[in-house]
């Protein structure tokens, strides 16, 4: 079961799972501190950056599962 979904807010996951910052930055979503990060979902942000949302979701969930 996925912990993080593409409908979750960027800042929501960053605040709950700080280990996701590295995954987002390495994926090309370097705007963690930008205004859009406060209202965009992971899916929206990935689409805006031309990223494969499904692949990003796998990497994000792998990152948080390592901490469990």
Protein backbone atom coordinates (compact mmCIF):
# COMPACT_ATOMS: atom_id res chain seq x y z
CA UNK A 1 0.00 0.00 0.00
CA UNK A 2 1.35 3.42 -0.93
CA UNK A 3 1.83 5.89 1.87
CA UNK A 4 2.18 8.87 -0.45
CA UNK A 5 -0.30 9.50 -3.25
CA UNK A 6 -0.06 11.89 -6.19
CA UNK A 7 -3.01 13.87 -4.80
CA UNK A 8 -1.13 14.82 -1.63
CA UNK A 9 0.31 18.31 -1.32
CA UNK A 10 4.04 18.83 -1.84
CA UNK A 11 4.49 20.62 1.48
CA UNK A 12 2.28 18.05 3.20
CA UNK A 13 4.67 15.23 2.36
CA UNK A 14 7.82 17.29 2.92
CA UNK A 15 6.66 18.23 6.42
CA UNK A 16 5.56 14.70 7.30
CA UNK A 17 8.49 12.91 5.64
CA UNK A 18 11.57 15.18 5.34
CA UNK A 19 13.43 12.36 3.59
CA UNK A 20 11.28 13.06 0.52
CA UNK A 21 13.08 16.37 -0.12
CA UNK A 22 16.12 14.60 -1.54
CA UNK A 23 13.95 12.47 -3.84
CA UNK A 24 12.07 15.53 -5.11
CA UNK A 25 15.27 17.53 -5.65
CA UNK A 26 17.00 14.64 -7.45
CA UNK A 27 13.94 14.21 -9.64
CA UNK A 28 14.06 17.79 -10.86
CA UNK A 29 11.51 19.34 -8.51
CA UNK A 30 13.88 21.86 -6.98
CA UNK A 31 11.10 24.28 -6.12
CA UNK A 32 10.41 22.89 -2.66
CA UNK A 33 10.62 26.40 -1.21
CA UNK A 34 8.64 28.14 -3.96
CA UNK A 35 5.11 29.44 -3.53
CA UNK A 36 3.62 26.74 -5.77
CA UNK A 37 4.84 24.02 -3.40
CA UNK A 38 2.36 25.31 -0.83
CA UNK A 39 -0.70 24.57 -2.95
CA UNK A 40 0.33 22.07 -5.63
CA UNK A 41 -0.09 18.34 -5.33
CA UNK A 42 2.75 15.97 -6.10
CA UNK A 43 0.95 15.07 -9.32
CA UNK A 44 0.57 18.71 -10.35
CA UNK A 45 4.19 19.50 -9.59
CA UNK A 46 5.49 16.46 -11.44
CA UNK A 47 3.35 17.30 -14.48
CA UNK A 48 4.55 20.92 -14.43
CA UNK A 49 8.15 19.67 -14.52
CA UNK A 50 7.50 17.02 -17.18
CA UNK A 51 8.22 14.14 -14.82
CA UNK A 52 6.88 10.61 -14.88
CA UNK A 53 4.44 10.82 -11.96
CA UNK A 54 4.22 7.06 -11.44
CA UNK A 55 8.01 6.66 -11.29
CA UNK A 56 8.25 9.57 -8.87
CA UNK A 57 5.59 8.00 -6.64
CA UNK A 58 7.58 4.77 -6.50
CA UNK A 59 10.75 6.63 -5.45
CA UNK A 60 8.93 8.71 -2.84
CA UNK A 61 7.26 5.66 -1.29
CA UNK A 62 10.54 3.75 -1.30
CA UNK A 63 12.15 6.64 0.58
CA UNK A 64 9.52 6.69 3.31
CA UNK A 65 9.35 2.89 3.60
CA UNK A 66 13.09 2.83 4.44
CA UNK A 67 12.36 4.96 7.48
CA UNK A 68 9.65 2.61 8.77
